PDB file of N, CA and C in Angstrom:
ATOM      1  N   MET A   1       1.028 -40.817  25.203  1.00  0.00           N
ATOM      2  CA  MET A   1      -0.016 -39.550  25.559  1.00  0.00           C
ATOM      3  C   MET A   1       0.799 -38.670  26.702  1.00  0.00           C
ATOM      4  N   LYS A   2       1.774 -38.356  27.132  1.00  0.00           N
ATOM      5  CA  LYS A   2       2.663 -37.298  27.374  1.00  0.00           C
ATOM      6  C   LYS A   2       2.941 -36.883  26.292  1.00  0.00           C
ATOM      7  N   LYS A   3       3.530 -37.113  25.379  1.00  0.00           N
ATOM      8  CA  LYS A   3       3.948 -36.025  24.781  1.00  0.00           C
ATOM      9  C   LYS A   3       2.653 -35.729  23.710  1.00  0.00           C
ATOM     10  N   LEU A   4       1.814 -35.886  23.432  1.00  0.00           N
ATOM     11  CA  LEU A   4       0.623 -35.359  22.862  1.00  0.00           C
ATOM     12  C   LEU A   4       0.547 -34.047  23.715  1.00  0.00           C
ATOM     13  N   PHE A   5      -0.052 -34.603  24.600  1.00  0.00           N
ATOM     14  CA  PHE A   5      -0.374 -33.556  25.967  1.00  0.00           C
ATOM     15  C   PHE A   5       0.410 -32.311  25.491  1.00  0.00           C
ATOM     16  N   ILE A   6       1.716 -32.540  25.533  1.00  0.00           N
ATOM     17  CA  ILE A   6       2.854 -31.225  25.687  1.00  0.00           C
ATOM     18  C   ILE A   6       2.683 -30.893  24.234  1.00  0.00           C
ATOM     19  N   LEU A   7       2.590 -31.542  23.350  1.00  0.00           N
ATOM     20  CA  LEU A   7       2.463 -31.479  22.137  1.00  0.00           C
ATOM     21  C   LEU A   7       1.407 -30.342  21.559  1.00  0.00           C
ATOM     22  N   THR A   8       0.281 -30.749  22.195  1.00  0.00           N
ATOM     23  CA  THR A   8      -1.010 -29.782  22.164  1.00  0.00           C
ATOM     24  C   THR A   8      -1.099 -28.841  23.209  1.00  0.00           C
ATOM     25  N   THR A   9       0.005 -28.689  24.710  1.00  0.00           N
ATOM     26  CA  THR A   9      -0.671 -27.578  24.968  1.00  0.00           C
ATOM     27  C   THR A   9       0.194 -26.441  24.653  1.00  0.00           C
ATOM     28  N   ILE A  10       1.173 -26.975  23.554  1.00  0.00           N
ATOM     29  CA  ILE A  10       2.385 -26.053  23.087  1.00  0.00           C
ATOM     30  C   ILE A  10       1.873 -25.109  22.104  1.00  0.00           C
ATOM     31  N   ILE A  11       0.880 -26.407  21.245  1.00  0.00           N
ATOM     32  CA  ILE A  11      -0.375 -25.616  20.001  1.00  0.00           C
ATOM     33  C   ILE A  11      -0.885 -24.475  20.635  1.00  0.00           C
ATOM     34  N   ILE A  12      -1.940 -25.085  20.980  1.00  0.00           N
ATOM     35  CA  ILE A  12      -3.077 -24.148  22.049  1.00  0.00           C
ATOM     36  C   ILE A  12      -2.292 -22.293  22.620  1.00  0.00           C
ATOM     37  N   PHE A  13      -0.604 -22.952  23.316  1.00  0.00           N
ATOM     38  CA  PHE A  13      -0.459 -21.499  23.437  1.00  0.00           C
ATOM     39  C   PHE A  13       0.014 -20.500  22.844  1.00  0.00           C
ATOM     40  N   GLY A  14       0.474 -21.465  21.480  1.00  0.00           N
ATOM     41  CA  GLY A  14       0.867 -20.433  20.319  1.00  0.00           C
ATOM     42  C   GLY A  14      -0.027 -20.064  19.401  1.00  0.00           C
ATOM     43  N   ILE A  15      -1.148 -20.372  19.581  1.00  0.00           N
ATOM     44  CA  ILE A  15      -2.076 -20.394  19.048  1.00  0.00           C
ATOM     45  C   ILE A  15      -2.532 -18.733  19.771  1.00  0.00           C
ATOM     46  N   VAL A  16      -3.243 -18.716  21.198  1.00  0.00           N
ATOM     47  CA  VAL A  16      -3.469 -17.796  21.595  1.00  0.00           C
ATOM     48  C   VAL A  16      -2.839 -16.946  21.620  1.00  0.00           C
ATOM     49  N   PHE A  17      -1.420 -16.889  22.035  1.00  0.00           N
ATOM     50  CA  PHE A  17      -0.031 -15.836  22.158  1.00  0.00           C
ATOM     51  C   PHE A  17      -0.114 -15.372  20.814  1.00  0.00           C
ATOM     52  N   ILE A  18      -0.729 -15.616  19.423  1.00  0.00           N
ATOM     53  CA  ILE A  18      -0.023 -15.280  18.169  1.00  0.00           C
ATOM     54  C   ILE A  18      -1.551 -14.076  18.106  1.00  0.00           C
ATOM     55  N   LYS A  19      -2.755 -14.749  18.099  1.00  0.00           N
ATOM     56  CA  LYS A  19      -3.815 -14.220  18.627  1.00  0.00           C
ATOM     57  C   LYS A  19      -4.475 -13.070  19.353  1.00  0.00           C
ATOM     58  N   PHE A  20      -3.692 -12.713  20.766  1.00  0.00           N
ATOM     59  CA  PHE A  20      -3.954 -12.230  21.760  1.00  0.00           C
ATOM     60  C   PHE A  20      -2.915 -11.580  22.389  1.00  0.00           C
ATOM     61  N   GLY A  21      -1.838 -12.107  22.264  1.00  0.00           N
ATOM     62  CA  GLY A  21      -0.426 -11.720  22.860  1.00  0.00           C
ATOM     63  C   GLY A  21       0.090 -10.318  21.604  1.00  0.00           C
ATOM     64  N   ARG A  22      -0.504  -9.436  20.530  1.00  0.00           N
ATOM     65  CA  ARG A  22       0.037  -8.745  19.632  1.00  0.00           C
ATOM     66  C   ARG A  22       0.752  -7.602  21.030  1.00  0.00           C
ATOM     67  N   SER A  23       0.367  -7.311  21.915  1.00  0.00           N
ATOM     68  CA  SER A  23       1.061  -6.065  22.403  1.00  0.00           C
ATOM     69  C   SER A  23       2.306  -6.438  22.969  1.00  0.00           C
ATOM     70  N   VAL A  24       2.603  -7.714  23.015  1.00  0.00           N
ATOM     71  CA  VAL A  24       3.938  -8.415  23.598  1.00  0.00           C
ATOM     72  C   VAL A  24       4.969  -8.411  22.113  1.00  0.00           C
ATOM     73  N   TYR A  25       4.707  -8.981  21.377  1.00  0.00           N
ATOM     74  CA  TYR A  25       5.087  -9.215  20.057  1.00  0.00           C
ATOM     75  C   TYR A  25       5.451  -8.291  19.151  1.00  0.00           C
ATOM     76  N   MET A  26       4.454  -7.547  19.163  1.00  0.00           N
ATOM     77  CA  MET A  26       4.639  -6.259  18.179  1.00  0.00           C
ATOM     78  C   MET A  26       5.565  -5.312  18.447  1.00  0.00           C
ATOM     79  N   PRO A  27       5.986  -5.025  19.834  1.00  0.00           N
ATOM     80  CA  PRO A  27       6.911  -4.219  19.986  1.00  0.00           C
ATOM     81  C   PRO A  27       8.326  -4.456  20.107  1.00  0.00           C
ATOM     82  N   LEU A  28       8.315  -5.668  20.085  1.00  0.00           N
ATOM     83  CA  LEU A  28       9.849  -6.266  19.993  1.00  0.00           C
ATOM     84  C   LEU A  28       9.990  -6.832  18.378  1.00  0.00           C
ATOM     85  N   LEU A  29       9.220  -7.034  17.833  1.00  0.00           N
ATOM     86  CA  LEU A  29       8.832  -7.096  15.904  1.00  0.00           C
ATOM     87  C   LEU A  29       9.177  -6.070  15.294  1.00  0.00           C
ATOM     88  N   TYR A  30       9.111  -4.738  16.071  1.00  0.00           N
ATOM     89  CA  TYR A  30       9.136  -3.606  15.650  1.00  0.00           C
ATOM     90  C   TYR A  30      11.173  -3.205  15.858  1.00  0.00           C
ATOM     91  N   LYS A  31      11.132  -3.438  17.151  1.00  0.00           N
ATOM     92  CA  LYS A  31      12.107  -3.446  17.145  1.00  0.00           C
ATOM     93  C   LYS A  31      13.389  -4.267  16.649  1.00  0.00           C
ATOM     94  N   ILE A  32      13.458  -5.321  16.097  1.00  0.00           N
ATOM     95  CA  ILE A  32      14.060  -6.001  15.610  1.00  0.00           C
ATOM     96  C   ILE A  32      14.091  -5.798  13.797  1.00  0.00           C
ATOM     97  N   LYS A  33      12.877  -5.110  13.037  1.00  0.00           N
ATOM     98  CA  LYS A  33      13.073  -5.082  11.965  1.00  0.00           C
ATOM     99  C   LYS A  33      12.870  -3.428  11.431  1.00  0.00           C
ATOM    100  N   GLY A  34      12.436  -2.773  12.507  1.00  0.00           N
ATOM    101  CA  GLY A  34      12.678  -1.522  12.673  1.00  0.00           C
ATOM    102  C   GLY A  34      10.635  -1.000  11.610  1.00  0.00           C
ATOM    103  N   LYS A  35       9.560  -0.109  12.755  1.00  0.00           N
ATOM    104  CA  LYS A  35       8.830   0.378  12.593  1.00  0.00           C
ATOM    105  C   LYS A  35       8.250   1.079  10.923  1.00  0.00           C
ATOM    106  N   GLU A  36       7.852   0.728  10.098  1.00  0.00           N
ATOM    107  CA  GLU A  36       7.676   1.788   9.044  1.00  0.00           C
ATOM    108  C   GLU A  36       6.148   1.887   8.724  1.00  0.00           C
ATOM    109  N   THR A  37       5.700   3.027   8.832  1.00  0.00           N
ATOM    110  CA  THR A  37       4.495   3.651   8.831  1.00  0.00           C
ATOM    111  C   THR A  37       4.252   4.264   7.132  1.00  0.00           C
ATOM    112  N   THR A  38       2.936   4.675   7.078  1.00  0.00           N
ATOM    113  CA  THR A  38       2.675   5.271   5.958  1.00  0.00           C
ATOM    114  C   THR A  38       3.545   6.596   5.717  1.00  0.00           C
ATOM    115  N   GLU A  39       3.490   7.568   6.504  1.00  0.00           N
ATOM    116  CA  GLU A  39       4.284   8.665   6.394  1.00  0.00           C
ATOM    117  C   GLU A  39       5.764   8.484   5.927  1.00  0.00           C
ATOM    118  N   SER A  40       6.258   7.443   6.466  1.00  0.00           N
ATOM    119  CA  SER A  40       8.140   7.208   6.314  1.00  0.00           C
ATOM    120  C   SER A  40       8.049   6.665   4.943  1.00  0.00           C
ATOM    121  N   ILE A  41       7.274   5.649   4.770  1.00  0.00           N
ATOM    122  CA  ILE A  41       7.099   5.511   3.171  1.00  0.00           C
ATOM    123  C   ILE A  41       7.249   6.181   1.919  1.00  0.00           C
ATOM    124  N   LEU A  42       6.122   7.095   2.443  1.00  0.00           N
ATOM    125  CA  LEU A  42       5.761   8.199   1.945  1.00  0.00           C
ATOM    126  C   LEU A  42       6.936   9.154   1.817  1.00  0.00           C
ATOM    127  N   ASN A  43       7.645   9.586   2.682  1.00  0.00           N
ATOM    128  CA  ASN A  43       8.643  10.324   2.578  1.00  0.00           C
ATOM    129  C   ASN A  43      10.221   9.283   2.010  1.00  0.00           C
ATOM    130  N   LYS A  44      10.336   8.301   1.469  1.00  0.00           N
ATOM    131  CA  LYS A  44      10.847   8.356   0.368  1.00  0.00           C
ATOM    132  C   LYS A  44      10.606   8.008  -0.614  1.00  0.00           C
ATOM    133  N   ILE A  45       9.143   7.765  -0.638  1.00  0.00           N
ATOM    134  CA  ILE A  45       9.004   7.511  -2.529  1.00  0.00           C
ATOM    135  C   ILE A  45       8.959   8.837  -3.242  1.00  0.00           C
ATOM    136  N   GLU A  46       8.582   9.593  -1.840  1.00  0.00           N
ATOM    137  CA  GLU A  46       7.745  11.393  -2.743  1.00  0.00           C
ATOM    138  C   GLU A  46       8.903  11.386  -3.833  1.00  0.00           C
ATOM    139  N   ASN A  47       9.916  11.602  -3.677  1.00  0.00           N
ATOM    140  CA  ASN A  47      10.697  12.912  -4.743  1.00  0.00           C
ATOM    141  C   ASN A  47      10.462  11.840  -6.264  1.00  0.00           C
ATOM    142  N   LYS A  48      10.982  10.360  -5.662  1.00  0.00           N
ATOM    143  CA  LYS A  48      10.811   9.891  -7.297  1.00  0.00           C
ATOM    144  C   LYS A  48       9.206   9.777  -7.919  1.00  0.00           C
ATOM    145  N   VAL A  49       8.537   9.862  -6.584  1.00  0.00           N
ATOM    146  CA  VAL A  49       7.384   9.655  -7.895  1.00  0.00           C
ATOM    147  C   VAL A  49       6.903  10.621  -8.190  1.00  0.00           C
ATOM    148  N   TRP A  50       7.200  11.939  -7.989  1.00  0.00           N
ATOM    149  CA  TRP A  50       6.687  13.624  -8.363  1.00  0.00           C
ATOM    150  C   TRP A  50       7.454  13.444  -9.861  1.00  0.00           C
ATOM    151  N   LYS A  51       8.875  12.756  -9.927  1.00  0.00           N
ATOM    152  CA  LYS A  51       9.781  13.322 -10.980  1.00  0.00           C
ATOM    153  C   LYS A  51       9.244  12.869 -11.604  1.00  0.00           C
ATOM    154  N   ARG A  52       8.729  11.220 -11.442  1.00  0.00           N
ATOM    155  CA  ARG A  52       8.012  10.399 -12.868  1.00  0.00           C
ATOM    156  C   ARG A  52       6.938  10.834 -13.407  1.00  0.00           C
ATOM    157  N   LEU A  53       5.963  11.378 -12.439  1.00  0.00           N
ATOM    158  CA  LEU A  53       4.824  11.941 -12.746  1.00  0.00           C
ATOM    159  C   LEU A  53       4.271  13.399 -13.080  1.00  0.00           C
ATOM    160  N   GLU A  54       6.140  14.187 -13.613  1.00  0.00           N
ATOM    161  CA  GLU A  54       5.247  16.206 -13.326  1.00  0.00           C
ATOM    162  C   GLU A  54       5.164  16.382 -14.396  1.00  0.00           C
ATOM    163  N   ARG A  55       5.281  15.766 -15.675  1.00  0.00           N
ATOM    164  CA  ARG A  55       4.411  16.181 -17.148  1.00  0.00           C
ATOM    165  C   ARG A  55       2.981  16.008 -16.505  1.00  0.00           C
ATOM    166  N   ASN A  56       2.430  15.011 -16.178  1.00  0.00           N
ATOM    167  CA  ASN A  56       1.188  14.328 -16.024  1.00  0.00           C
ATOM    168  C   ASN A  56       0.549  15.673 -14.868  1.00  0.00           C
ATOM    169  N   MET A  57       1.646  15.504 -14.082  1.00  0.00           N
ATOM    170  CA  MET A  57       0.620  16.823 -12.796  1.00  0.00           C
ATOM    171  C   MET A  57       0.722  18.038 -13.646  1.00  0.00           C
ATOM    172  N   GLY A  58       1.593  18.264 -14.163  1.00  0.00           N
ATOM    173  CA  GLY A  58       1.656  19.892 -14.479  1.00  0.00           C
ATOM    174  C   GLY A  58       0.027  19.846 -15.649  1.00  0.00           C
ATOM    175  N   ILE A  59       0.198  18.931 -16.187  1.00  0.00           N
ATOM    176  CA  ILE A  59      -0.536  19.091 -17.636  1.00  0.00           C
ATOM    177  C   ILE A  59      -2.127  18.799 -16.939  1.00  0.00           C
ATOM    178  N   ALA A  60      -2.209  18.164 -15.592  1.00  0.00           N
ATOM    179  CA  ALA A  60      -3.897  18.254 -14.653  1.00  0.00           C
ATOM    180  C   ALA A  60      -3.912  19.606 -14.096  1.00  0.00           C
ATOM    181  N   GLY A  61      -2.655  20.535 -13.929  1.00  0.00           N
ATOM    182  CA  GLY A  61      -2.871  21.725 -13.338  1.00  0.00           C
ATOM    183  C   GLY A  61      -2.165  21.523 -11.445  1.00  0.00           C
ATOM    184  N   PHE A  62      -1.231  20.557 -11.441  1.00  0.00           N
ATOM    185  CA  PHE A  62      -0.440  20.672 -10.236  1.00  0.00           C
ATOM    186  C   PHE A  62       1.002  20.674 -10.365  1.00  0.00           C
ATOM    187  N   LYS A  63       1.093  21.855 -10.042  1.00  0.00           N
ATOM    188  CA  LYS A  63       2.544  22.440 -10.464  1.00  0.00           C
ATOM    189  C   LYS A  63       3.705  21.930  -8.976  1.00  0.00           C
ATOM    190  N   MET A  64       2.790  22.220  -8.185  1.00  0.00           N
ATOM    191  CA  MET A  64       3.929  22.168  -7.141  1.00  0.00           C
ATOM    192  C   MET A  64       3.374  20.923  -5.724  1.00  0.00           C
ATOM    193  N   ASP A  65       2.302  20.319  -6.331  1.00  0.00           N
ATOM    194  CA  ASP A  65       1.865  19.220  -4.599  1.00  0.00           C
ATOM    195  C   ASP A  65       0.890  18.218  -5.444  1.00  0.00           C
ATOM    196  N   PHE A  66       1.251  16.633  -4.739  1.00  0.00           N
ATOM    197  CA  PHE A  66      -0.070  15.902  -5.559  1.00  0.00           C
ATOM    198  C   PHE A  66      -1.120  16.285  -5.175  1.00  0.00           C
ATOM    199  N   PRO A  67      -2.169  16.129  -5.962  1.00  0.00           N
ATOM    200  CA  PRO A  67      -3.919  16.306  -5.488  1.00  0.00           C
ATOM    201  C   PRO A  67      -4.286  15.590  -4.293  1.00  0.00           C
ATOM    202  N   ASN A  68      -5.236  15.642  -3.634  1.00  0.00           N
ATOM    203  CA  ASN A  68      -5.796  15.247  -2.490  1.00  0.00           C
ATOM    204  C   ASN A  68      -6.120  14.000  -2.519  1.00  0.00           C
ATOM    205  N   GLU A  69      -6.632  14.115  -3.918  1.00  0.00           N
ATOM    206  CA  GLU A  69      -8.325  13.103  -4.134  1.00  0.00           C
ATOM    207  C   GLU A  69      -7.648  11.919  -4.984  1.00  0.00           C
ATOM    208  N   ILE A  70      -7.457  11.026  -5.330  1.00  0.00           N
ATOM    209  CA  ILE A  70      -7.075  10.360  -7.069  1.00  0.00           C
ATOM    210  C   ILE A  70      -8.190   9.403  -7.145  1.00  0.00           C
ATOM    211  N   ILE A  71      -8.359   8.953  -8.404  1.00  0.00           N
ATOM    212  CA  ILE A  71      -9.554   8.125  -8.460  1.00  0.00           C
ATOM    213  C   ILE A  71      -8.941   7.649  -9.483  1.00  0.00           C
ATOM    214  N   LEU A  72      -8.779   5.464  -9.075  1.00  0.00           N
ATOM    215  CA  LEU A  72      -8.703   4.688  -9.764  1.00  0.00           C
ATOM    216  C   LEU A  72      -9.166   3.965 -10.461  1.00  0.00           C
ATOM    217  N   ALA A  73      -9.440   3.798 -11.957  1.00  0.00           N
ATOM    218  CA  ALA A  73     -10.531   3.094 -12.919  1.00  0.00           C
ATOM    219  C   ALA A  73      -9.403   1.769 -13.493  1.00  0.00           C
ATOM    220  N   ALA A  74      -9.685   0.546 -13.032  1.00  0.00           N
ATOM    221  CA  ALA A  74      -9.182  -0.040 -13.938  1.00  0.00           C
ATOM    222  C   ALA A  74      -9.896  -1.075 -14.741  1.00  0.00           C
ATOM    223  N   PHE A  75      -9.583  -1.663 -15.353  1.00  0.00           N
ATOM    224  CA  PHE A  75     -10.850  -2.645 -16.715  1.00  0.00           C
ATOM    225  C   PHE A  75      -9.944  -3.647 -16.888  1.00  0.00           C
ATOM    226  N   LYS A  76     -10.245  -5.051 -16.484  1.00  0.00           N
ATOM    227  CA  LYS A  76      -9.759  -6.078 -16.381  1.00  0.00           C
ATOM    228  C   LYS A  76      -9.586  -6.584 -17.718  1.00  0.00           C
ATOM    229  N   GLU A  77     -10.620  -6.782 -18.487  1.00  0.00           N
ATOM    230  CA  GLU A  77     -10.433  -7.338 -19.716  1.00  0.00           C
ATOM    231  C   GLU A  77      -9.312  -6.691 -21.113  1.00  0.00           C
ATOM    232  N   GLU A  78      -9.473  -5.095 -20.530  1.00  0.00           N
ATOM    233  CA  GLU A  78      -8.533  -4.489 -21.714  1.00  0.00           C
ATOM    234  C   GLU A  78      -7.533  -4.384 -21.035  1.00  0.00           C
ATOM    235  N   ARG A  79      -7.040  -4.957 -19.712  1.00  0.00           N
ATOM    236  CA  ARG A  79      -5.701  -4.199 -18.859  1.00  0.00           C
ATOM    237  C   ARG A  79      -5.390  -3.110 -19.230  1.00  0.00           C
ATOM    238  N   MET A  80      -6.291  -1.858 -19.039  1.00  0.00           N
ATOM    239  CA  MET A  80      -5.775  -0.015 -18.543  1.00  0.00           C
ATOM    240  C   MET A  80      -6.216  -0.158 -17.344  1.00  0.00           C
ATOM    241  N   LEU A  81      -5.408   0.769 -16.938  1.00  0.00           N
ATOM    242  CA  LEU A  81      -5.967   1.544 -15.774  1.00  0.00           C
ATOM    243  C   LEU A  81      -5.700   2.542 -15.572  1.00  0.00           C
ATOM    244  N   GLU A  82      -6.557   4.030 -15.666  1.00  0.00           N
ATOM    245  CA  GLU A  82      -6.734   4.922 -15.949  1.00  0.00           C
ATOM    246  C   GLU A  82      -6.511   5.981 -14.353  1.00  0.00           C
ATOM    247  N   VAL A  83      -5.799   6.933 -14.022  1.00  0.00           N
ATOM    248  CA  VAL A  83      -5.409   7.530 -12.964  1.00  0.00           C
ATOM    249  C   VAL A  83      -6.122   9.010 -12.739  1.00  0.00           C
ATOM    250  N   TYR A  84      -6.672   9.070 -12.525  1.00  0.00           N
ATOM    251  CA  TYR A  84      -8.024  10.766 -12.380  1.00  0.00           C
ATOM    252  C   TYR A  84      -7.469  11.286 -11.271  1.00  0.00           C
ATOM    253  N   THR A  85      -7.211  12.202 -10.941  1.00  0.00           N
ATOM    254  CA  THR A  85      -7.456  13.735 -10.078  1.00  0.00           C
ATOM    255  C   THR A  85      -8.470  14.612  -9.659  1.00  0.00           C
ATOM    256  N   LYS A  86      -8.715  14.563  -8.633  1.00  0.00           N
ATOM    257  CA  LYS A  86     -10.073  15.332  -8.068  1.00  0.00           C
ATOM    258  C   LYS A  86     -10.003  16.763  -7.363  1.00  0.00           C
ATOM    259  N   ASP A  87     -10.463  17.386  -7.798  1.00  0.00           N
ATOM    260  CA  ASP A  87      -9.672  18.860  -6.450  1.00  0.00           C
ATOM    261  C   ASP A  87     -11.124  19.549  -6.881  1.00  0.00           C
ATOM    262  N   TYR A  88     -11.389  20.966  -6.689  1.00  0.00           N
ATOM    263  CA  TYR A  88     -12.459  21.841  -6.627  1.00  0.00           C
ATOM    264  C   TYR A  88     -13.157  21.958  -8.290  1.00  0.00           C
ATOM    265  N   THR A  89     -12.018  21.921  -9.233  1.00  0.00           N
ATOM    266  CA  THR A  89     -12.226  22.215 -10.563  1.00  0.00           C
ATOM    267  C   THR A  89     -13.296  21.001 -11.628  1.00  0.00           C
ATOM    268  N   GLY A  90     -12.866  19.804 -10.773  1.00  0.00           N
ATOM    269  CA  GLY A  90     -13.362  18.487 -11.009  1.00  0.00           C
ATOM    270  C   GLY A  90     -12.603  17.636 -11.265  1.00  0.00           C
ATOM    271  N   ILE A  91     -12.753  16.708 -12.065  1.00  0.00           N
ATOM    272  CA  ILE A  91     -12.266  15.281 -12.316  1.00  0.00           C
ATOM    273  C   ILE A  91     -11.292  15.156 -13.650  1.00  0.00           C
ATOM    274  N   LYS A  92     -10.016  15.157 -13.273  1.00  0.00           N
ATOM    275  CA  LYS A  92      -8.913  15.461 -14.404  1.00  0.00           C
ATOM    276  C   LYS A  92      -8.475  13.950 -14.989  1.00  0.00           C
ATOM    277  N   LEU A  93      -8.195  13.602 -15.878  1.00  0.00           N
ATOM    278  CA  LEU A  93      -7.029  12.462 -16.622  1.00  0.00           C
ATOM    279  C   LEU A  93      -6.272  12.719 -16.055  1.00  0.00           C
ATOM    280  N   LEU A  94      -4.862  12.317 -15.180  1.00  0.00           N
ATOM    281  CA  LEU A  94      -3.929  12.052 -14.211  1.00  0.00           C
ATOM    282  C   LEU A  94      -2.790  10.792 -15.791  1.00  0.00           C
ATOM    283  N   LYS A  95      -3.161  10.052 -15.847  1.00  0.00           N
ATOM    284  CA  LYS A  95      -2.530   9.040 -16.322  1.00  0.00           C
ATOM    285  C   LYS A  95      -3.037   7.655 -16.817  1.00  0.00           C
ATOM    286  N   HIS A  96      -2.998   7.531 -18.200  1.00  0.00           N
ATOM    287  CA  HIS A  96      -3.511   5.944 -18.361  1.00  0.00           C
ATOM    288  C   HIS A  96      -2.800   5.276 -19.522  1.00  0.00           C
ATOM    289  N   ILE A  97      -3.033   3.900 -18.108  1.00  0.00           N
ATOM    290  CA  ILE A  97      -1.915   3.311 -18.795  1.00  0.00           C
ATOM    291  C   ILE A  97      -2.916   1.843 -19.637  1.00  0.00           C
ATOM    292  N   HIS A  98      -1.573   1.269 -20.010  1.00  0.00           N
ATOM    293  CA  HIS A  98      -2.608   0.259 -20.916  1.00  0.00           C
ATOM    294  C   HIS A  98      -1.041  -0.848 -21.216  1.00  0.00           C
ATOM    295  N   SER A  99      -1.456  -2.196 -20.328  1.00  0.00           N
ATOM    296  CA  SER A  99      -0.461  -3.176 -20.443  1.00  0.00           C
ATOM    297  C   SER A  99      -1.001  -4.059 -21.711  1.00  0.00           C
ATOM    298  N   GLN A 100      -0.057  -4.155 -22.064  1.00  0.00           N
ATOM    299  CA  GLN A 100       0.288  -5.443 -23.335  1.00  0.00           C
ATOM    300  C   GLN A 100       0.677  -6.759 -22.981  1.00  0.00           C
ATOM    301  N   HIS A 101       1.218  -7.346 -21.112  1.00  0.00           N
ATOM    302  CA  HIS A 101       1.277  -8.676 -20.695  1.00  0.00           C
ATOM    303  C   HIS A 101       0.420  -8.926 -20.891  1.00  0.00           C
ATOM    304  N   SER A 102       0.075 -10.225 -21.270  1.00  0.00           N
ATOM    305  CA  SER A 102      -1.404 -11.384 -20.747  1.00  0.00           C
ATOM    306  C   SER A 102      -0.682 -11.216 -19.396  1.00  0.00           C
ATOM    307  N   VAL A 103      -2.260 -11.492 -18.646  1.00  0.00           N
ATOM    308  CA  VAL A 103      -2.499 -11.361 -16.949  1.00  0.00           C
ATOM    309  C   VAL A 103      -3.349 -13.516 -16.894  1.00  0.00           C
ATOM    310  N   GLU A 104      -2.828 -14.064 -16.260  1.00  0.00           N
ATOM    311  CA  GLU A 104      -3.461 -15.004 -16.869  1.00  0.00           C
ATOM    312  C   GLU A 104      -3.475 -16.086 -15.363  1.00  0.00           C
TER     313      GLU A 104
END
């Protein structure tokens, strides 16, 4: 009976800590694994993405910078993804991707 009480108490404490103790464990977690932000991830991949899309970006009229807005249009049955850019001149197709792999 005592073991059951201790086990139940530990489980309840663990659930409460996970639910409400974020301010305690997240700083420790960030110190251990390092804090990644959207900005830090963008800085890491920005040059690779630009090199890969440079031709398409030039055709769409973006010679020096990324567009402020993109629109993703996904068509599941056709297994297609279309990436559009949107700026003051309108909407332009940036890239059309057609997958040959079956998705099951």
